[in-house]
């Protein structure tokens, strides 16, 4: 969880894509450890953190699947870059 401009930003990714960059066409997904962190967190805790977040960045099949149920993410909201699902949620 980060704080930027007074907003809470939750960044969650699968461990196996951490530190990697994915490119497809004009899109690039850079799964930086400096943004996503390197701490494993149980799904229940991620879901509770997501409730208080103003923005959520989710990358990877496991992470998207975990939050998809709790955050009511539609399949049409999931972008896939080089086979990696990615979702950004901004709560207004």
Protein backbone atom coordinates (compact mmCIF):
# COMPACT_ATOMS: atom_id res chain seq x y z
CA UNK A 1 0.00 0.00 0.00
CA UNK A 2 1.38 3.39 -1.01
CA UNK A 3 0.15 6.89 -0.41
CA UNK A 4 0.29 9.35 -3.32
CA UNK A 5 -1.22 12.81 -3.29
CA UNK A 6 -3.34 11.89 -0.27
CA UNK A 7 -4.69 8.75 -1.99
CA UNK A 8 -4.11 5.17 -0.89
CA UNK A 9 -2.79 3.04 -3.77
CA UNK A 10 -2.77 -0.74 -3.44
CA UNK A 11 -0.41 -2.64 -5.75
CA UNK A 12 -0.72 -6.44 -5.97
CA UNK A 13 1.01 -8.90 -8.32
CA UNK A 14 1.85 -12.55 -8.65
CA UNK A 15 5.29 -13.39 -7.28
CA UNK A 16 6.40 -15.08 -10.51
CA UNK A 17 6.06 -11.88 -12.57
CA UNK A 18 7.67 -9.53 -10.03
CA UNK A 19 10.60 -7.67 -11.58
CA UNK A 20 9.61 -8.50 -15.15
CA UNK A 21 8.48 -6.32 -18.04
CA UNK A 22 5.84 -7.36 -20.56
CA UNK A 23 5.25 -5.67 -23.90
CA UNK A 24 2.54 -6.10 -26.49
CA UNK A 25 1.95 -3.62 -29.27
CA UNK A 26 1.90 -0.11 -27.79
CA UNK A 27 1.38 -1.41 -24.22
CA UNK A 28 4.03 -2.14 -21.61
CA UNK A 29 3.58 -3.55 -18.12
CA UNK A 30 6.60 -3.08 -15.86
CA UNK A 31 6.09 -5.05 -12.65
CA UNK A 32 8.64 -3.13 -10.56
CA UNK A 33 9.47 -4.33 -7.07
CA UNK A 34 9.74 -0.68 -6.01
CA UNK A 35 6.01 -0.27 -6.76
CA UNK A 36 4.56 -3.72 -6.05
CA UNK A 37 6.84 -4.56 -3.12
CA UNK A 38 8.14 -8.01 -2.30
CA UNK A 39 6.04 -9.05 0.67
CA UNK A 40 3.70 -12.03 0.32
CA UNK A 41 0.26 -11.19 1.67
CA UNK A 42 -2.66 -13.59 2.20
CA UNK A 43 -5.71 -13.09 -0.02
CA UNK A 44 -7.96 -12.17 2.91
CA UNK A 45 -5.65 -9.32 3.91
CA UNK A 46 -5.37 -8.10 0.31
CA UNK A 47 -9.15 -7.99 0.07
CA UNK A 48 -9.47 -5.97 3.29
CA UNK A 49 -6.74 -3.57 2.14
CA UNK A 50 -8.56 -3.14 -1.18
CA UNK A 51 -11.65 -1.89 0.66
CA UNK A 52 -9.73 1.11 2.03
CA UNK A 53 -7.72 1.82 -1.15
CA UNK A 54 -8.57 4.70 -3.48
CA UNK A 55 -6.70 3.09 -6.38
CA UNK A 56 -5.79 -0.53 -7.04
CA UNK A 57 -3.24 -1.94 -9.52
CA UNK A 58 -3.46 -5.70 -9.98
CA UNK A 59 -1.16 -7.78 -12.19
CA UNK A 60 -1.02 -11.52 -12.74
CA UNK A 61 -3.55 -14.34 -12.94
CA UNK A 62 -3.61 -15.21 -9.22
CA UNK A 63 -3.80 -11.60 -8.05
CA UNK A 64 -6.57 -10.66 -10.50
CA UNK A 65 -8.50 -13.81 -9.62
CA UNK A 66 -8.19 -13.08 -5.89
CA UNK A 67 -9.52 -9.53 -6.17
CA UNK A 68 -11.98 -10.20 -8.99
CA UNK A 69 -14.52 -11.76 -6.64
CA UNK A 70 -14.30 -9.12 -3.92
CA UNK A 71 -14.01 -6.03 -6.12
CA UNK A 72 -16.68 -7.03 -8.66
CA UNK A 73 -14.27 -6.77 -11.59
CA UNK A 74 -15.87 -7.44 -14.97
CA UNK A 75 -13.92 -9.48 -17.52
CA UNK A 76 -14.16 -6.51 -19.90
CA UNK A 77 -12.14 -4.46 -17.37
CA UNK A 78 -9.19 -6.84 -17.50
CA UNK A 79 -6.43 -5.88 -19.94
CA UNK A 80 -4.02 -8.61 -21.03
CA UNK A 81 -0.48 -7.62 -21.96
CA UNK A 82 1.70 -10.41 -23.36
CA UNK A 83 -0.56 -12.94 -21.63
CA UNK A 84 -0.51 -11.20 -18.23
CA UNK A 85 -3.86 -9.93 -16.91
CA UNK A 86 -3.79 -6.41 -15.47
CA UNK A 87 -6.48 -4.26 -13.90
CA UNK A 88 -6.47 -0.68 -12.64
CA UNK A 89 -9.30 0.48 -10.41
CA UNK A 90 -9.86 4.12 -9.46
CA UNK A 91 -12.57 4.70 -6.91
CA UNK A 92 -14.35 8.01 -7.12
